[in-house]
Amino acid sequence: MEIIRGGAEHVDAAALIWAHAVAARDGYAEVPTLAEARPGVENALANEPSLFLLAFEGDEPVGFLAGGPHQTDDHAYVNYVGVHPDAWGNGVGEALLRALPGLLVERGYAAAQLHVFIDNVRGVRLYERLGWHKTGAAAPHPRSGRVEQRYEILVATPGPGRDAV
């Protein structure tokens, strides 16, 4: 498996991975279209396109991670960790999350946060195993109503902000 930094040319691949992953995770009858999935990934990358990682098995993209700034200059928010269902159980999500701290430090972030639906047992176990800690109380997602939990990982001592790196 190879982890690369994604660019604009990888947005469609990431969106399709997300569409397949969400359909499998949530039991959708149909996989969302590229047109339905692309805007979310594009929005996640709008403020910080450098927080975009892709996992490849050979020439095939099988997973991605995307995020950007969050609330303070030294915190990032991970909007997406997506793995194509055909690659579930192959360590793709773990590889992406293990590559993240170095990228965060390089970009001047001290920590990252994400939300995960508490019924996403695979995701919860992965984040906790890799050192992500619950912060705050679980709460319903504003659109879906599904209960989600915020997690955080510290990667460096907070400093004067991202421009200092």
C-alpha atoms as a PDB file:
ATOM      1  CA  MET A   1       0.000   0.000   0.000  1.00  0.00           C
ATOM      2  CA  GLU A   2       1.177   3.490  -0.838  1.00  0.00           C
ATOM      3  CA  ILE A   3      -0.037   6.690   0.839  1.00  0.00           C
ATOM      4  CA  ILE A   4       0.290   9.859  -1.235  1.00  0.00           C
ATOM      5  CA  ARG A   5      -0.732  13.462  -0.844  1.00  0.00           C
ATOM      6  CA  GLY A   6      -3.835  14.069  -2.869  1.00  0.00           C
ATOM      7  CA  GLY A   7      -4.460  16.903  -5.271  1.00  0.00           C
ATOM      8  CA  ALA A   8      -7.329  18.283  -7.315  1.00  0.00           C
ATOM      9  CA  GLU A   9      -6.917  15.376  -9.726  1.00  0.00           C
ATOM     10  CA  HIS A  10      -7.859  12.941  -6.921  1.00  0.00           C
ATOM     11  CA  VAL A  11     -11.119  14.528  -5.745  1.00  0.00           C
ATOM     12  CA  ASP A  12     -13.327  12.325  -7.924  1.00  0.00           C
ATOM     13  CA  ALA A  13     -11.569   9.145  -6.759  1.00  0.00           C
ATOM     14  CA  ALA A  14     -12.034  10.186  -3.126  1.00  0.00           C
ATOM     15  CA  ALA A  15     -15.692  11.063  -3.696  1.00  0.00           C
ATOM     16  CA  LEU A  16     -16.366   7.666  -5.273  1.00  0.00           C
ATOM     17  CA  ILE A  17     -14.603   5.881  -2.399  1.00  0.00           C
ATOM     18  CA  TRP A  18     -16.776   7.838   0.031  1.00  0.00           C
ATOM     19  CA  ALA A  19     -19.963   7.037  -1.902  1.00  0.00           C
ATOM     20  CA  HIS A  20     -19.236   3.291  -1.824  1.00  0.00           C
ATOM     21  CA  ALA A  21     -18.126   3.347   1.823  1.00  0.00           C
ATOM     22  CA  VAL A  22     -21.203   5.228   3.036  1.00  0.00           C
ATOM     23  CA  ALA A  23     -23.547   3.017   1.026  1.00  0.00           C
ATOM     24  CA  ALA A  24     -22.018  -0.117   2.551  1.00  0.00           C
ATOM     25  CA  ARG A  25     -21.737   1.308   6.085  1.00  0.00           C
ATOM     26  CA  ASP A  26     -25.296   2.669   6.173  1.00  0.00           C
ATOM     27  CA  GLY A  27     -27.015  -0.018   4.075  1.00  0.00           C
ATOM     28  CA  TYR A  28     -28.083   2.174   1.154  1.00  0.00           C
ATOM     29  CA  ALA A  29     -29.875   0.376  -1.663  1.00  0.00           C
ATOM     30  CA  GLU A  30     -27.863   2.410  -4.207  1.00  0.00           C
ATOM     31  CA  VAL A  31     -24.407   3.965  -4.153  1.00  0.00           C
ATOM     32  CA  PRO A  32     -24.581   7.777  -4.318  1.00  0.00           C
ATOM     33  CA  THR A  33     -23.457   9.230  -7.640  1.00  0.00           C
ATOM     34  CA  LEU A  34     -20.225  11.111  -8.163  1.00  0.00           C
ATOM     35  CA  ALA A  35     -22.254  14.321  -8.552  1.00  0.00           C
ATOM     36  CA  GLU A  36     -23.812  13.692  -5.120  1.00  0.00           C
ATOM     37  CA  ALA A  37     -20.544  12.776  -3.378  1.00  0.00           C
ATOM     38  CA  ARG A  38     -18.115  15.283  -4.947  1.00  0.00           C
ATOM     39  CA  PRO A  39     -19.354  18.528  -3.274  1.00  0.00           C
ATOM     40  CA  GLY A  40     -18.656  17.279   0.254  1.00  0.00           C
ATOM     41  CA  VAL A  41     -15.070  16.329  -0.545  1.00  0.00           C
ATOM     42  CA  GLU A  42     -14.528  19.597  -2.417  1.00  0.00           C
ATOM     43  CA  ASN A  43     -15.868  21.566   0.559  1.00  0.00           C
ATOM     44  CA  ALA A  44     -13.610  19.694   2.962  1.00  0.00           C
ATOM     45  CA  LEU A  45     -10.570  20.620   0.890  1.00  0.00           C
ATOM     46  CA  ALA A  46     -11.530  24.235   0.177  1.00  0.00           C
ATOM     47  CA  ASN A  47      -9.686  25.719   3.169  1.00  0.00           C
ATOM     48  CA  GLU A  48      -6.747  23.337   3.424  1.00  0.00           C
ATOM     49  CA  PRO A  49      -6.032  21.273   0.336  1.00  0.00           C
ATOM     50  CA  SER A  50      -2.782  19.969   1.840  1.00  0.00           C
ATOM     51  CA  LEU A  51      -4.672  17.777   4.345  1.00  0.00           C
ATOM     52  CA  PHE A  52      -5.616  15.245   1.703  1.00  0.00           C
ATOM     53  CA  LEU A  53      -4.118  11.760   1.702  1.00  0.00           C
ATOM     54  CA  LEU A  54      -4.904   8.849  -0.604  1.00  0.00           C
ATOM     55  CA  ALA A  55      -4.127   5.180  -0.169  1.00  0.00           C
ATOM     56  CA  PHE A  56      -3.361   3.129  -3.255  1.00  0.00           C
ATOM     57  CA  GLU A  57      -3.153  -0.613  -3.762  1.00  0.00           C
ATOM     58  CA  GLY A  58      -1.216  -0.809  -6.985  1.00  0.00           C
ATOM     59  CA  ASP A  59      -2.826   1.724  -9.325  1.00  0.00           C
ATOM     60  CA  GLU A  60      -6.185   1.610  -7.543  1.00  0.00           C
ATOM     61  CA  PRO A  61      -7.193   4.262  -4.983  1.00  0.00           C
ATOM     62  CA  VAL A  62      -8.724   2.405  -2.028  1.00  0.00           C
ATOM     63  CA  GLY A  63      -8.966   5.024   0.715  1.00  0.00           C
ATOM     64  CA  PHE A  64      -8.564   8.681   1.574  1.00  0.00           C
ATOM     65  CA  LEU A  65      -8.457  11.179   4.406  1.00  0.00           C
ATOM     66  CA  ALA A  66      -9.402  14.840   4.024  1.00  0.00           C
ATOM     67  CA  GLY A  67      -9.631  17.743   6.429  1.00  0.00           C
ATOM     68  CA  GLY A  68      -8.803  21.329   7.177  1.00  0.00           C
ATOM     69  CA  PRO A  69      -8.592  23.996   9.883  1.00  0.00           C
ATOM     70  CA  HIS A  70     -10.923  23.810  12.885  1.00  0.00           C
ATOM     71  CA  GLN A  71     -11.870  26.542  15.358  1.00  0.00           C
ATOM     72  CA  THR A  72      -8.296  27.524  16.282  1.00  0.00           C
ATOM     73  CA  ASP A  73      -5.165  27.966  14.227  1.00  0.00           C
ATOM     74  CA  ASP A  74      -3.505  24.942  15.769  1.00  0.00           C
ATOM     75  CA  HIS A  75      -6.345  22.403  15.396  1.00  0.00           C
ATOM     76  CA  ALA A  76      -7.316  20.529  12.256  1.00  0.00           C
ATOM     77  CA  TYR A  77     -10.635  18.872  11.589  1.00  0.00           C
ATOM     78  CA  VAL A  78     -10.737  15.537   9.765  1.00  0.00           C
ATOM     79  CA  ASN A  79     -13.876  15.625   7.644  1.00  0.00           C
ATOM     80  CA  TYR A  80     -13.397  12.258   5.976  1.00  0.00           C
ATOM     81  CA  VAL A  81     -11.692   8.939   6.550  1.00  0.00           C
ATOM     82  CA  GLY A  82     -13.038   6.737   3.799  1.00  0.00           C
ATOM     83  CA  VAL A  83     -12.089   3.248   2.689  1.00  0.00           C
ATOM     84  CA  HIS A  84     -13.684   1.433  -0.235  1.00  0.00           C
ATOM     85  CA  PRO A  85     -15.636  -1.565   1.132  1.00  0.00           C
ATOM     86  CA  ASP A  86     -13.589  -3.941  -1.054  1.00  0.00           C
ATOM     87  CA  ALA A  87     -10.536  -2.890   1.011  1.00  0.00           C
ATOM     88  CA  TRP A  88     -12.151  -3.042   4.479  1.00  0.00           C
ATOM     89  CA  GLY A  89     -10.042  -5.047   6.900  1.00  0.00           C
ATOM     90  CA  ASN A  90      -6.819  -4.500   4.934  1.00  0.00           C
ATOM     91  CA  GLY A  91      -5.371  -1.773   7.180  1.00  0.00           C
ATOM     92  CA  VAL A  92      -6.122   1.113   4.818  1.00  0.00           C
ATOM     93  CA  GLY A  93      -7.806   3.344   7.411  1.00  0.00           C
ATOM     94  CA  GLU A  94      -5.043   2.641   9.893  1.00  0.00           C
ATOM     95  CA  ALA A  95      -2.340   3.493   7.351  1.00  0.00           C
ATOM     96  CA  LEU A  96      -4.043   6.796   6.534  1.00  0.00           C
ATOM     97  CA  LEU A  97      -4.463   7.708  10.202  1.00  0.00           C
ATOM     98  CA  ARG A  98      -0.848   6.775  10.985  1.00  0.00           C
ATOM     99  CA  ALA A  99       0.320   9.083   8.183  1.00  0.00           C
ATOM    100  CA  LEU A 100      -1.753  11.976   9.513  1.00  0.00           C
ATOM    101  CA  PRO A 101       0.256  13.130  12.580  1.00  0.00           C
ATOM    102  CA  GLY A 102       3.391  13.871  10.570  1.00  0.00           C
ATOM    103  CA  LEU A 103       1.380  15.882   8.066  1.00  0.00           C
ATOM    104  CA  LEU A 104      -0.362  17.760  10.874  1.00  0.00           C
ATOM    105  CA  VAL A 105       2.932  18.700  12.531  1.00  0.00           C
ATOM    106  CA  GLU A 106       4.390  19.722   9.168  1.00  0.00           C
ATOM    107  CA  ARG A 107       1.393  22.015   8.585  1.00  0.00           C
ATOM    108  CA  GLY A 108       1.711  23.502  12.112  1.00  0.00           C
ATOM    109  CA  TYR A 109      -1.247  21.797  13.735  1.00  0.00           C
ATOM    110  CA  ALA A 110      -1.025  20.625  17.362  1.00  0.00           C
ATOM    111  CA  ALA A 111      -4.125  18.436  17.285  1.00  0.00           C
ATOM    112  CA  ALA A 112      -6.898  17.078  15.133  1.00  0.00           C
ATOM    113  CA  GLN A 113     -10.537  16.354  15.801  1.00  0.00           C
ATOM    114  CA  LEU A 114     -13.156  14.287  14.042  1.00  0.00           C
ATOM    115  CA  HIS A 115     -16.668  13.002  14.630  1.00  0.00           C
ATOM    116  CA  VAL A 116     -17.732   9.386  14.285  1.00  0.00           C
ATOM    117  CA  PHE A 117     -21.181   7.857  14.559  1.00  0.00           C
ATOM    118  CA  ILE A 118     -21.159   5.778  17.726  1.00  0.00           C
ATOM    119  CA  ASP A 119     -22.792   2.891  15.870  1.00  0.00           C
ATOM    120  CA  ASN A 120     -19.767   2.790  13.518  1.00  0.00           C
ATOM    121  CA  VAL A 121     -18.085   0.208  15.729  1.00  0.00           C
ATOM    122  CA  ARG A 122     -15.208  -0.433  13.304  1.00  0.00           C
ATOM    123  CA  GLY A 123     -14.363   3.276  13.162  1.00  0.00           C
ATOM    124  CA  VAL A 124     -14.652   3.798  16.921  1.00  0.00           C
ATOM    125  CA  ARG A 125     -12.359   0.834  17.635  1.00  0.00           C
ATOM    126  CA  LEU A 126      -9.803   2.069  15.096  1.00  0.00           C
ATOM    127  CA  TYR A 127      -9.666   5.632  16.435  1.00  0.00           C
ATOM    128  CA  GLU A 128      -9.395   4.495  20.038  1.00  0.00           C
ATOM    129  CA  ARG A 129      -6.706   1.920  19.212  1.00  0.00           C
ATOM    130  CA  LEU A 130      -4.651   4.636  17.499  1.00  0.00           C
ATOM    131  CA  GLY A 131      -4.800   6.996  20.472  1.00  0.00           C
ATOM    132  CA  TRP A 132      -7.750   9.238  19.635  1.00  0.00           C
ATOM    133  CA  HIS A 133      -9.635  10.267  22.797  1.00  0.00           C
ATOM    134  CA  LYS A 134     -13.308  11.120  23.291  1.00  0.00           C
ATOM    135  CA  THR A 135     -13.974  14.805  23.942  1.00  0.00           C
ATOM    136  CA  GLY A 136     -17.314  16.102  25.081  1.00  0.00           C
ATOM    137  CA  ALA A 137     -20.573  14.223  25.182  1.00  0.00           C
ATOM    138  CA  ALA A 138     -22.003  12.237  22.312  1.00  0.00           C
ATOM    139  CA  ALA A 139     -24.751  14.163  20.517  1.00  0.00           C
ATOM    140  CA  PRO A 140     -27.141  13.783  17.578  1.00  0.00           C
ATOM    141  CA  HIS A 141     -25.805  14.832  14.182  1.00  0.00           C
ATOM    142  CA  PRO A 142     -27.565  18.064  13.160  1.00  0.00           C
ATOM    143  CA  ARG A 143     -28.894  16.660   9.862  1.00  0.00           C
ATOM    144  CA  SER A 144     -29.299  12.918  10.329  1.00  0.00           C
ATOM    145  CA  GLY A 145     -30.000  12.708  14.045  1.00  0.00           C
ATOM    146  CA  ARG A 146     -27.589   9.759  14.362  1.00  0.00           C
ATOM    147  CA  VAL A 147     -25.568   9.998  17.551  1.00  0.00           C
ATOM    148  CA  GLU A 148     -21.924  10.886  17.020  1.00  0.00           C
ATOM    149  CA  GLN A 149     -18.918  11.332  19.282  1.00  0.00           C
ATOM    150  CA  ARG A 150     -16.085  13.845  18.874  1.00  0.00           C
ATOM    151  CA  TYR A 151     -12.561  12.449  19.112  1.00  0.00           C
ATOM    152  CA  GLU A 152      -9.254  14.275  19.319  1.00  0.00           C
ATOM    153  CA  ILE A 153      -5.594  13.421  18.987  1.00  0.00           C
ATOM    154  CA  LEU A 154      -2.743  15.647  20.124  1.00  0.00           C
ATOM    155  CA  VAL A 155       0.308  15.584  17.877  1.00  0.00           C
ATOM    156  CA  ALA A 156       2.442  18.483  19.157  1.00  0.00           C
ATOM    157  CA  THR A 157       2.605  21.119  21.839  1.00  0.00           C
ATOM    158  CA  PRO A 158       0.354  24.026  20.841  1.00  0.00           C
ATOM    159  CA  GLY A 159       2.424  26.855  19.452  1.00  0.00           C
ATOM    160  CA  PRO A 160       1.933  30.260  17.919  1.00  0.00           C
ATOM    161  CA  GLY A 161      -0.047  28.989  14.943  1.00  0.00           C
ATOM    162  CA  ARG A 162       0.387  27.356  11.577  1.00  0.00           C
ATOM    163  CA  ASP A 163       2.476  30.134  10.061  1.00  0.00           C
ATOM    164  CA  ALA A 164       5.299  29.444  12.511  1.00  0.00           C
ATOM    165  CA  VAL A 165       6.205  26.092  10.952  1.00  0.00           C
END
